Amino acid sequence: MDGRKVYIPDVFVAPDDPDEAPDADGLGVDVAGVVPVAEVVSPGSEAGDRDRRRKRRAYASAGIAVYVIVDDFDGSGTVTVLADPEPD
């Protein structure tokens, strides 16, 4: 989502017909057609930082309205739901 860099979420919900929200290149779904995105945090500090911080900021910057983080590696196992998050 940074220029040509794209994050691929573990789960996202988009229209049944991808033609309802095509991206500019016609290769997928435009972010405007995606409402919730979910990530299951992967093990390891680099993956955890990517899923908890970098992806959260990138999705917020792109206008994703709901971001769900399922985290079994934070010491207690949590599910965090962010709605209309700020990029910072």
N, C-alpha and C. Protein backbone atom coordinates (compact mmCIF):
# COMPACT_ATOMS: atom_id res chain seq x y z
N MET A 1 0.81 -1.18 0.00
CA MET A 1 0.00 0.00 0.00
C MET A 1 0.86 1.25 0.00
N ASP A 2 2.15 1.07 0.01
CA ASP A 2 3.09 2.18 -0.02
C ASP A 2 3.62 2.27 -1.44
N GLY A 3 3.00 3.14 -2.25
CA GLY A 3 3.36 3.17 -3.66
C GLY A 3 2.88 1.88 -4.31
N ARG A 4 3.81 1.05 -4.73
CA ARG A 4 3.45 -0.23 -5.35
C ARG A 4 3.55 -1.39 -4.37
N LYS A 5 3.98 -1.12 -3.13
CA LYS A 5 4.09 -2.18 -2.12
C LYS A 5 2.71 -2.49 -1.57
N VAL A 6 2.40 -3.76 -1.46
CA VAL A 6 1.08 -4.16 -1.00
C VAL A 6 1.22 -5.18 0.12
N TYR A 7 0.40 -5.03 1.14
CA TYR A 7 0.29 -6.06 2.17
C TYR A 7 -0.90 -6.93 1.81
N ILE A 8 -0.77 -8.20 2.02
CA ILE A 8 -1.87 -9.13 1.77
C ILE A 8 -2.38 -9.60 3.13
N PRO A 9 -3.61 -9.23 3.48
CA PRO A 9 -4.14 -9.63 4.78
C PRO A 9 -4.49 -11.11 4.82
N ASP A 10 -4.59 -11.65 6.02
CA ASP A 10 -5.00 -13.05 6.17
C ASP A 10 -6.46 -13.22 5.77
N VAL A 11 -7.30 -12.22 6.10
CA VAL A 11 -8.73 -12.26 5.77
C VAL A 11 -9.17 -10.86 5.41
N PHE A 12 -9.99 -10.74 4.37
CA PHE A 12 -10.64 -9.46 4.10
C PHE A 12 -11.99 -9.73 3.47
N VAL A 13 -12.89 -8.77 3.60
CA VAL A 13 -14.23 -8.90 3.04
C VAL A 13 -14.38 -7.83 1.97
N ALA A 14 -14.77 -8.27 0.80
CA ALA A 14 -14.96 -7.37 -0.34
C ALA A 14 -16.27 -7.75 -1.03
N PRO A 15 -16.69 -6.98 -2.01
CA PRO A 15 -17.93 -7.31 -2.72
C PRO A 15 -17.87 -8.69 -3.36
N ASP A 16 -19.03 -9.34 -3.51
CA ASP A 16 -19.09 -10.63 -4.18
C ASP A 16 -18.53 -10.54 -5.59
N ASP A 17 -18.81 -9.44 -6.25
CA ASP A 17 -18.34 -9.23 -7.61
C ASP A 17 -17.19 -8.25 -7.59
N PRO A 18 -15.96 -8.71 -7.82
CA PRO A 18 -14.80 -7.81 -7.77
C PRO A 18 -14.91 -6.64 -8.75
N ASP A 19 -15.72 -6.77 -9.77
CA ASP A 19 -15.90 -5.68 -10.72
C ASP A 19 -16.63 -4.49 -10.10
N GLU A 20 -17.26 -4.70 -8.92
CA GLU A 20 -17.93 -3.60 -8.23
C GLU A 20 -16.92 -2.62 -7.62
N ALA A 21 -15.69 -3.07 -7.37
CA ALA A 21 -14.66 -2.20 -6.79
C ALA A 21 -13.29 -2.56 -7.38
N PRO A 22 -13.15 -2.44 -8.71
CA PRO A 22 -11.87 -2.83 -9.31
C PRO A 22 -10.76 -1.85 -8.95
N ASP A 23 -9.53 -2.36 -8.86
CA ASP A 23 -8.41 -1.46 -8.63
C ASP A 23 -8.01 -0.83 -9.97
N ALA A 24 -7.16 0.18 -9.89
CA ALA A 24 -6.79 0.93 -11.09
C ALA A 24 -6.14 0.06 -12.17
N ASP A 25 -5.42 -0.98 -11.76
CA ASP A 25 -4.74 -1.84 -12.72
C ASP A 25 -5.60 -3.03 -13.16
N GLY A 26 -6.76 -3.17 -12.55
CA GLY A 26 -7.62 -4.30 -12.90
C GLY A 26 -7.10 -5.63 -12.41
N LEU A 27 -6.26 -5.60 -11.38
CA LEU A 27 -5.65 -6.84 -10.89
C LEU A 27 -6.27 -7.37 -9.60
N GLY A 28 -7.16 -6.59 -9.00
CA GLY A 28 -7.73 -7.01 -7.72
C GLY A 28 -8.89 -6.13 -7.34
N VAL A 29 -9.01 -5.89 -6.05
CA VAL A 29 -10.11 -5.10 -5.51
C VAL A 29 -9.54 -3.81 -4.94
N ASP A 30 -10.15 -2.68 -5.29
CA ASP A 30 -9.73 -1.40 -4.75
C ASP A 30 -10.00 -1.36 -3.26
N VAL A 31 -9.13 -0.71 -2.53
CA VAL A 31 -9.26 -0.64 -1.07
C VAL A 31 -10.61 -0.05 -0.64
N ALA A 32 -11.20 0.78 -1.47
CA ALA A 32 -12.51 1.36 -1.14
C ALA A 32 -13.60 0.30 -1.03
N GLY A 33 -13.41 -0.84 -1.66
CA GLY A 33 -14.39 -1.92 -1.61
C GLY A 33 -14.16 -2.89 -0.47
N VAL A 34 -13.10 -2.69 0.29
CA VAL A 34 -12.76 -3.58 1.40
C VAL A 34 -13.17 -2.91 2.70
N VAL A 35 -13.93 -3.60 3.53
CA VAL A 35 -14.33 -3.01 4.81
C VAL A 35 -13.48 -3.60 5.93
N PRO A 36 -13.72 -4.84 6.37
CA PRO A 36 -12.87 -5.38 7.43
C PRO A 36 -11.66 -6.12 6.86
N VAL A 37 -10.55 -6.02 7.57
CA VAL A 37 -9.33 -6.76 7.29
C VAL A 37 -8.93 -7.41 8.60
N ALA A 38 -8.46 -8.66 8.52
CA ALA A 38 -8.01 -9.34 9.74
C ALA A 38 -6.62 -9.94 9.52
N GLU A 39 -5.81 -9.87 10.55
CA GLU A 39 -4.49 -10.47 10.56
C GLU A 39 -4.36 -11.39 11.76
N VAL A 40 -3.79 -12.54 11.54
CA VAL A 40 -3.40 -13.45 12.62
C VAL A 40 -1.90 -13.25 12.77
N VAL A 41 -1.49 -12.75 13.94
CA VAL A 41 -0.08 -12.42 14.15
C VAL A 41 0.76 -13.68 14.04
N SER A 42 1.81 -13.57 13.25
CA SER A 42 2.73 -14.69 13.06
C SER A 42 3.79 -14.67 14.14
N PRO A 43 4.40 -15.83 14.43
CA PRO A 43 5.44 -15.86 15.46
C PRO A 43 6.70 -15.13 15.00
N GLY A 44 7.45 -14.64 15.97
CA GLY A 44 8.70 -13.94 15.68
C GLY A 44 8.53 -12.44 15.80
N SER A 45 9.60 -11.78 16.24
CA SER A 45 9.51 -10.34 16.48
C SER A 45 9.31 -9.54 15.20
N GLU A 46 9.96 -9.91 14.12
CA GLU A 46 9.80 -9.18 12.85
C GLU A 46 8.37 -9.32 12.33
N ALA A 47 7.84 -10.54 12.34
CA ALA A 47 6.47 -10.76 11.88
C ALA A 47 5.47 -10.07 12.80
N GLY A 48 5.72 -10.12 14.10
CA GLY A 48 4.83 -9.47 15.05
C GLY A 48 4.79 -7.97 14.85
N ASP A 49 5.95 -7.36 14.63
CA ASP A 49 6.01 -5.92 14.38
C ASP A 49 5.27 -5.57 13.09
N ARG A 50 5.45 -6.38 12.07
CA ARG A 50 4.75 -6.16 10.80
C ARG A 50 3.25 -6.23 10.99
N ASP A 51 2.75 -7.28 11.64
CA ASP A 51 1.30 -7.48 11.78
C ASP A 51 0.67 -6.49 12.77
N ARG A 52 1.37 -6.18 13.85
CA ARG A 52 0.80 -5.29 14.89
C ARG A 52 0.95 -3.81 14.57
N ARG A 53 2.02 -3.43 13.88
CA ARG A 53 2.29 -2.00 13.70
C ARG A 53 2.28 -1.57 12.23
N ARG A 54 3.15 -2.14 11.44
CA ARG A 54 3.28 -1.66 10.05
C ARG A 54 2.01 -1.87 9.25
N LYS A 55 1.41 -3.06 9.35
CA LYS A 55 0.18 -3.30 8.60
C LYS A 55 -0.96 -2.44 9.13
N ARG A 56 -1.03 -2.27 10.45
CA ARG A 56 -2.08 -1.43 11.04
C ARG A 56 -2.00 -0.02 10.48
N ARG A 57 -0.82 0.53 10.43
CA ARG A 57 -0.65 1.89 9.90
C ARG A 57 -0.95 1.95 8.41
N ALA A 58 -0.49 0.96 7.67
CA ALA A 58 -0.73 0.95 6.22
C ALA A 58 -2.21 0.82 5.91
N TYR A 59 -2.91 -0.06 6.62
CA TYR A 59 -4.34 -0.23 6.38
C TYR A 59 -5.11 1.04 6.77
N ALA A 60 -4.73 1.67 7.88
CA ALA A 60 -5.39 2.91 8.28
C ALA A 60 -5.16 4.00 7.24
N SER A 61 -3.93 4.11 6.75
CA SER A 61 -3.61 5.11 5.72
C SER A 61 -4.39 4.87 4.44
N ALA A 62 -4.66 3.61 4.15
CA ALA A 62 -5.39 3.26 2.92
C ALA A 62 -6.89 3.45 3.08
N GLY A 63 -7.35 3.67 4.31
CA GLY A 63 -8.78 3.90 4.53
C GLY A 63 -9.57 2.66 4.91
N ILE A 64 -8.88 1.59 5.33
CA ILE A 64 -9.57 0.39 5.79
C ILE A 64 -10.28 0.77 7.09
N ALA A 65 -11.59 0.58 7.13
CA ALA A 65 -12.40 1.05 8.27
C ALA A 65 -12.29 0.16 9.51
N VAL A 66 -12.07 -1.14 9.34
CA VAL A 66 -12.02 -2.06 10.47
C VAL A 66 -10.82 -2.98 10.29
N TYR A 67 -9.98 -3.05 11.31
CA TYR A 67 -8.81 -3.92 11.30
C TYR A 67 -8.86 -4.79 12.55
N VAL A 68 -8.87 -6.10 12.37
CA VAL A 68 -8.92 -7.05 13.47
C VAL A 68 -7.56 -7.74 13.56
N ILE A 69 -7.00 -7.75 14.77
CA ILE A 69 -5.71 -8.40 15.01
C ILE A 69 -5.94 -9.55 15.98
N VAL A 70 -5.65 -10.76 15.55
CA VAL A 70 -5.73 -11.95 16.39
C VAL A 70 -4.30 -12.29 16.78
N ASP A 71 -4.00 -12.18 18.07
CA ASP A 71 -2.61 -12.27 18.54
C ASP A 71 -2.47 -13.31 19.64
N ASP A 72 -1.90 -14.44 19.29
CA ASP A 72 -1.67 -15.50 20.27
C ASP A 72 -0.24 -15.43 20.82
N PHE A 73 0.52 -14.42 20.38
CA PHE A 73 1.92 -14.33 20.77
C PHE A 73 2.21 -13.10 21.62
N ASP A 74 1.20 -12.48 22.21
CA ASP A 74 1.42 -11.28 23.02
C ASP A 74 1.48 -11.59 24.52
N GLY A 75 1.51 -12.86 24.86
CA GLY A 75 1.60 -13.26 26.27
C GLY A 75 0.27 -13.65 26.88
N SER A 76 -0.83 -13.18 26.32
CA SER A 76 -2.13 -13.55 26.90
C SER A 76 -3.15 -13.96 25.85
N GLY A 77 -2.86 -13.79 24.59
CA GLY A 77 -3.81 -14.14 23.54
C GLY A 77 -4.93 -13.12 23.49
N THR A 78 -4.90 -12.24 22.52
CA THR A 78 -5.91 -11.20 22.44
C THR A 78 -6.46 -11.06 21.02
N VAL A 79 -7.64 -10.48 20.96
CA VAL A 79 -8.23 -10.06 19.71
C VAL A 79 -8.50 -8.57 19.86
N THR A 80 -7.94 -7.79 18.95
CA THR A 80 -8.10 -6.34 18.99
C THR A 80 -8.86 -5.91 17.74
N VAL A 81 -9.89 -5.09 17.93
CA VAL A 81 -10.66 -4.57 16.81
C VAL A 81 -10.47 -3.07 16.79
N LEU A 82 -9.93 -2.56 15.69
CA LEU A 82 -9.73 -1.12 15.51
C LEU A 82 -10.73 -0.65 14.46
N ALA A 83 -11.50 0.35 14.80
CA ALA A 83 -12.47 0.91 13.87
C ALA A 83 -12.09 2.35 13.57
N ASP A 84 -12.08 2.72 12.30
CA ASP A 84 -11.67 4.04 11.85
C ASP A 84 -10.35 4.45 12.50
N PRO A 85 -9.32 3.58 12.41
CA PRO A 85 -8.05 3.88 13.08
C PRO A 85 -7.31 5.04 12.41
N GLU A 86 -6.51 5.72 13.20
CA GLU A 86 -5.64 6.77 12.70
C GLU A 86 -4.33 6.12 12.26
N PRO A 87 -3.73 6.60 11.17
CA PRO A 87 -2.50 5.99 10.67
C PRO A 87 -1.34 6.01 11.65
N ASP A 88 -1.28 6.97 12.57
CA ASP A 88 -0.17 7.03 13.53
C ASP A 88 -0.51 6.33 14.82
